[in-house]
N, C-alpha and C. Protein backbone atom coordinates (compact mmCIF):
# COMPACT_ATOMS: atom_id res chain seq x y z
N UNK A 1 0.84 -1.17 0.00
CA UNK A 1 0.00 0.00 0.00
C UNK A 1 0.89 1.24 0.00
N UNK A 2 0.49 2.24 -0.72
CA UNK A 2 1.28 3.46 -0.83
C UNK A 2 0.91 4.39 0.32
N UNK A 3 1.93 4.83 1.04
CA UNK A 3 1.72 5.78 2.14
C UNK A 3 2.13 7.17 1.67
N UNK A 4 1.24 8.15 1.77
CA UNK A 4 1.63 9.49 1.33
C UNK A 4 2.57 10.14 2.34
N UNK A 5 3.48 10.91 1.85
CA UNK A 5 4.39 11.66 2.70
C UNK A 5 3.79 13.06 2.87
N UNK A 6 3.57 13.45 4.10
CA UNK A 6 2.95 14.73 4.38
C UNK A 6 3.94 15.87 4.32
N UNK A 7 5.16 15.64 4.76
CA UNK A 7 6.18 16.68 4.72
C UNK A 7 7.50 16.07 4.27
N UNK A 8 8.40 16.93 3.91
CA UNK A 8 9.74 16.49 3.58
C UNK A 8 10.74 17.03 4.59
N UNK A 9 10.28 17.33 5.75
CA UNK A 9 11.10 17.90 6.81
C UNK A 9 12.00 16.81 7.40
N UNK A 10 13.30 17.01 7.28
CA UNK A 10 14.22 16.02 7.84
C UNK A 10 14.54 16.30 9.30
N UNK A 11 14.42 17.55 9.73
CA UNK A 11 14.71 17.89 11.12
C UNK A 11 13.54 17.58 12.04
N UNK A 12 12.38 17.27 11.49
CA UNK A 12 11.19 17.02 12.30
C UNK A 12 11.26 15.71 13.06
N UNK A 13 12.12 14.82 12.66
CA UNK A 13 12.19 13.53 13.33
C UNK A 13 13.35 13.43 14.31
N UNK A 14 13.97 14.56 14.64
CA UNK A 14 15.00 14.52 15.67
C UNK A 14 14.33 14.55 17.03
N UNK A 15 15.00 13.98 18.00
CA UNK A 15 14.42 13.87 19.33
C UNK A 15 14.22 15.25 19.95
N UNK A 16 15.16 16.15 19.75
CA UNK A 16 15.03 17.48 20.35
C UNK A 16 13.86 18.26 19.74
N UNK A 17 13.64 18.11 18.45
CA UNK A 17 12.50 18.80 17.82
C UNK A 17 11.18 18.21 18.30
N UNK A 18 11.14 16.89 18.48
CA UNK A 18 9.92 16.25 18.99
C UNK A 18 9.64 16.66 20.43
N UNK A 19 10.68 16.72 21.24
CA UNK A 19 10.50 17.16 22.62
C UNK A 19 10.02 18.61 22.69
N UNK A 20 10.52 19.43 21.78
CA UNK A 20 10.07 20.82 21.72
C UNK A 20 8.59 20.90 21.34
N UNK A 21 8.17 20.10 20.36
CA UNK A 21 6.75 20.07 19.96
C UNK A 21 5.87 19.59 21.11
N UNK A 22 6.33 18.56 21.82
CA UNK A 22 5.56 18.03 22.95
C UNK A 22 5.44 19.08 24.05
N UNK A 23 6.55 19.75 24.35
CA UNK A 23 6.51 20.78 25.39
C UNK A 23 5.58 21.93 25.02
N UNK A 24 5.58 22.32 23.75
CA UNK A 24 4.69 23.40 23.31
C UNK A 24 3.22 23.00 23.46
N UNK A 25 2.89 21.80 23.08
CA UNK A 25 1.49 21.33 23.19
C UNK A 25 1.07 21.17 24.64
N UNK A 26 1.96 20.66 25.49
CA UNK A 26 1.64 20.53 26.90
C UNK A 26 1.42 21.92 27.52
N UNK A 27 2.20 22.89 27.11
CA UNK A 27 2.03 24.26 27.59
C UNK A 27 0.68 24.82 27.19
N UNK A 28 0.26 24.58 25.94
CA UNK A 28 -1.06 25.05 25.49
C UNK A 28 -2.18 24.41 26.31
N UNK A 29 -2.08 23.12 26.54
CA UNK A 29 -3.12 22.43 27.31
C UNK A 29 -3.13 22.92 28.75
N UNK A 30 -1.95 23.16 29.32
CA UNK A 30 -1.87 23.64 30.70
C UNK A 30 -2.48 25.05 30.82
N UNK A 31 -2.25 25.89 29.83
CA UNK A 31 -2.85 27.23 29.85
C UNK A 31 -4.37 27.14 29.75
N UNK A 32 -4.86 26.24 28.89
CA UNK A 32 -6.31 26.05 28.78
C UNK A 32 -6.87 25.56 30.11
N UNK A 33 -6.19 24.65 30.76
CA UNK A 33 -6.64 24.12 32.04
C UNK A 33 -6.63 25.21 33.11
N UNK A 34 -5.60 26.03 33.14
CA UNK A 34 -5.52 27.12 34.11
C UNK A 34 -6.66 28.11 33.91
N UNK A 35 -6.88 28.52 32.65
CA UNK A 35 -7.97 29.45 32.37
C UNK A 35 -9.32 28.83 32.67
N UNK A 36 -9.45 27.56 32.44
CA UNK A 36 -10.69 26.85 32.71
C UNK A 36 -10.99 26.85 34.21
N UNK A 37 -9.95 26.65 35.02
CA UNK A 37 -10.15 26.61 36.46
C UNK A 37 -10.37 28.00 37.04
N UNK A 38 -9.53 28.96 36.66
CA UNK A 38 -9.61 30.29 37.27
C UNK A 38 -10.82 31.08 36.79
N UNK A 39 -11.19 30.94 35.55
CA UNK A 39 -12.30 31.71 35.01
C UNK A 39 -13.61 30.93 34.95
N UNK A 40 -13.58 29.67 35.40
CA UNK A 40 -14.75 28.78 35.40
C UNK A 40 -15.44 28.75 34.04
N UNK A 41 -14.65 28.44 33.01
CA UNK A 41 -15.18 28.44 31.65
C UNK A 41 -15.96 27.18 31.31
N UNK A 42 -15.59 26.06 31.88
CA UNK A 42 -16.32 24.82 31.63
C UNK A 42 -15.97 24.14 30.33
N UNK A 43 -14.81 24.47 29.76
CA UNK A 43 -14.39 23.80 28.53
C UNK A 43 -13.84 22.42 28.85
N UNK A 44 -13.94 21.53 27.88
CA UNK A 44 -13.37 20.20 28.09
C UNK A 44 -11.88 20.25 27.77
N UNK A 45 -11.12 19.56 28.59
CA UNK A 45 -9.67 19.52 28.44
C UNK A 45 -9.28 18.14 27.94
N UNK A 46 -8.45 18.05 26.90
CA UNK A 46 -8.05 16.74 26.37
C UNK A 46 -7.04 16.05 27.30
N UNK A 47 -7.55 15.44 28.36
CA UNK A 47 -6.66 14.83 29.35
C UNK A 47 -5.95 13.59 28.80
N UNK A 48 -6.61 12.85 27.94
CA UNK A 48 -5.98 11.67 27.36
C UNK A 48 -4.81 12.07 26.46
N UNK A 49 -4.97 13.16 25.73
CA UNK A 49 -3.89 13.67 24.90
C UNK A 49 -2.71 14.11 25.76
N UNK A 50 -3.02 14.76 26.87
CA UNK A 50 -1.98 15.23 27.79
C UNK A 50 -1.18 14.04 28.35
N UNK A 51 -1.87 13.00 28.76
CA UNK A 51 -1.19 11.83 29.30
C UNK A 51 -0.35 11.12 28.24
N UNK A 52 -0.89 11.03 27.02
CA UNK A 52 -0.14 10.41 25.93
C UNK A 52 1.13 11.20 25.62
N UNK A 53 1.02 12.53 25.59
CA UNK A 53 2.18 13.36 25.32
C UNK A 53 3.24 13.23 26.42
N UNK A 54 2.80 13.14 27.66
CA UNK A 54 3.75 12.97 28.76
C UNK A 54 4.45 11.61 28.66
N UNK A 55 3.73 10.58 28.25
CA UNK A 55 4.35 9.27 28.06
C UNK A 55 5.37 9.28 26.92
N UNK A 56 5.02 9.92 25.81
CA UNK A 56 5.96 10.00 24.69
C UNK A 56 7.16 10.86 25.05
N UNK A 57 6.95 11.87 25.87
CA UNK A 57 8.08 12.68 26.32
C UNK A 57 9.03 11.85 27.17
N UNK A 58 8.50 11.03 28.04
CA UNK A 58 9.32 10.16 28.87
C UNK A 58 10.11 9.18 28.00
N UNK A 59 9.44 8.59 27.03
CA UNK A 59 10.11 7.63 26.14
C UNK A 59 11.23 8.32 25.35
N UNK A 60 10.96 9.51 24.84
CA UNK A 60 11.97 10.21 24.04
C UNK A 60 13.15 10.67 24.88
N UNK A 61 12.92 11.08 26.11
CA UNK A 61 14.06 11.48 26.95
C UNK A 61 14.92 10.27 27.31
N UNK A 62 14.28 9.13 27.54
CA UNK A 62 15.06 7.91 27.77
C UNK A 62 15.82 7.51 26.51
N UNK A 63 15.18 7.65 25.36
CA UNK A 63 15.81 7.29 24.09
C UNK A 63 16.96 8.24 23.76
N UNK A 64 16.88 9.47 24.24
CA UNK A 64 17.94 10.44 23.99
C UNK A 64 19.23 10.02 24.69
N UNK A 65 19.11 9.47 25.89
CA UNK A 65 20.31 9.07 26.62
C UNK A 65 20.73 7.62 26.33
N UNK A 66 19.77 6.78 25.91
CA UNK A 66 20.07 5.38 25.64
C UNK A 66 19.38 4.99 24.34
N UNK A 67 20.14 4.85 23.28
CA UNK A 67 19.57 4.55 21.97
C UNK A 67 18.92 3.18 21.90
N UNK A 68 19.28 2.27 22.81
CA UNK A 68 18.72 0.93 22.81
C UNK A 68 17.42 0.81 23.59
N UNK A 69 16.97 1.90 24.20
CA UNK A 69 15.72 1.87 24.96
C UNK A 69 14.55 1.76 23.97
N UNK A 70 13.62 0.87 24.23
CA UNK A 70 12.44 0.65 23.38
C UNK A 70 12.85 0.48 21.92
N UNK A 71 13.71 -0.46 21.69
CA UNK A 71 14.30 -0.68 20.36
C UNK A 71 13.25 -1.06 19.31
N UNK A 72 12.12 -1.62 19.75
CA UNK A 72 11.07 -2.01 18.80
C UNK A 72 10.37 -0.81 18.18
N UNK A 73 10.45 0.34 18.84
CA UNK A 73 9.78 1.54 18.35
C UNK A 73 10.82 2.53 17.85
N UNK A 74 10.74 2.85 16.57
CA UNK A 74 11.70 3.78 15.98
C UNK A 74 11.27 5.22 16.26
N UNK A 75 12.18 6.13 16.04
CA UNK A 75 11.90 7.55 16.23
C UNK A 75 10.81 8.00 15.26
N UNK A 76 10.82 7.46 14.05
CA UNK A 76 9.82 7.84 13.05
C UNK A 76 8.42 7.41 13.47
N UNK A 77 8.32 6.24 14.10
CA UNK A 77 7.02 5.78 14.58
C UNK A 77 6.50 6.69 15.69
N UNK A 78 7.37 7.08 16.59
CA UNK A 78 6.98 7.97 17.67
C UNK A 78 6.67 9.36 17.12
N UNK A 79 7.46 9.82 16.14
CA UNK A 79 7.25 11.14 15.56
C UNK A 79 5.89 11.24 14.89
N UNK A 80 5.48 10.19 14.20
CA UNK A 80 4.18 10.24 13.53
C UNK A 80 3.05 10.34 14.55
N UNK A 81 3.18 9.63 15.65
CA UNK A 81 2.15 9.68 16.69
C UNK A 81 2.14 11.04 17.39
N UNK A 82 3.32 11.61 17.63
CA UNK A 82 3.41 12.92 18.27
C UNK A 82 2.81 13.99 17.37
N UNK A 83 3.07 13.90 16.08
CA UNK A 83 2.51 14.89 15.15
C UNK A 83 0.98 14.81 15.12
N UNK A 84 0.43 13.59 15.25
CA UNK A 84 -1.03 13.47 15.32
C UNK A 84 -1.58 14.06 16.62
N UNK A 85 -0.90 13.79 17.72
CA UNK A 85 -1.37 14.31 19.01
C UNK A 85 -1.19 15.82 19.13
N UNK A 86 -0.28 16.36 18.37
CA UNK A 86 -0.02 17.80 18.43
C UNK A 86 -1.24 18.61 18.01
N UNK A 87 -2.02 18.09 17.10
CA UNK A 87 -3.17 18.81 16.58
C UNK A 87 -4.49 18.25 17.09
N UNK A 88 -4.45 17.36 18.04
CA UNK A 88 -5.67 16.74 18.57
C UNK A 88 -6.29 17.60 19.65
């Protein structure tokens, strides 16, 4: 089956770029949560997305120091999932 390539960005699959994307999304969600609590807005917060991003952040930080950690999962596999969660 043919898989379409969405971007040709070669720097997007580096661990530091992925960690930066994860940190930016976590910051956005945290700001929404803070505004939701302080201003009593009643918006729904994507808690499952937040937990998934925190798990991928943990995996990537371990992979940064030890390349053999979670050897079954490549950086590209994690990057594709992070890019999906970034816009969720």
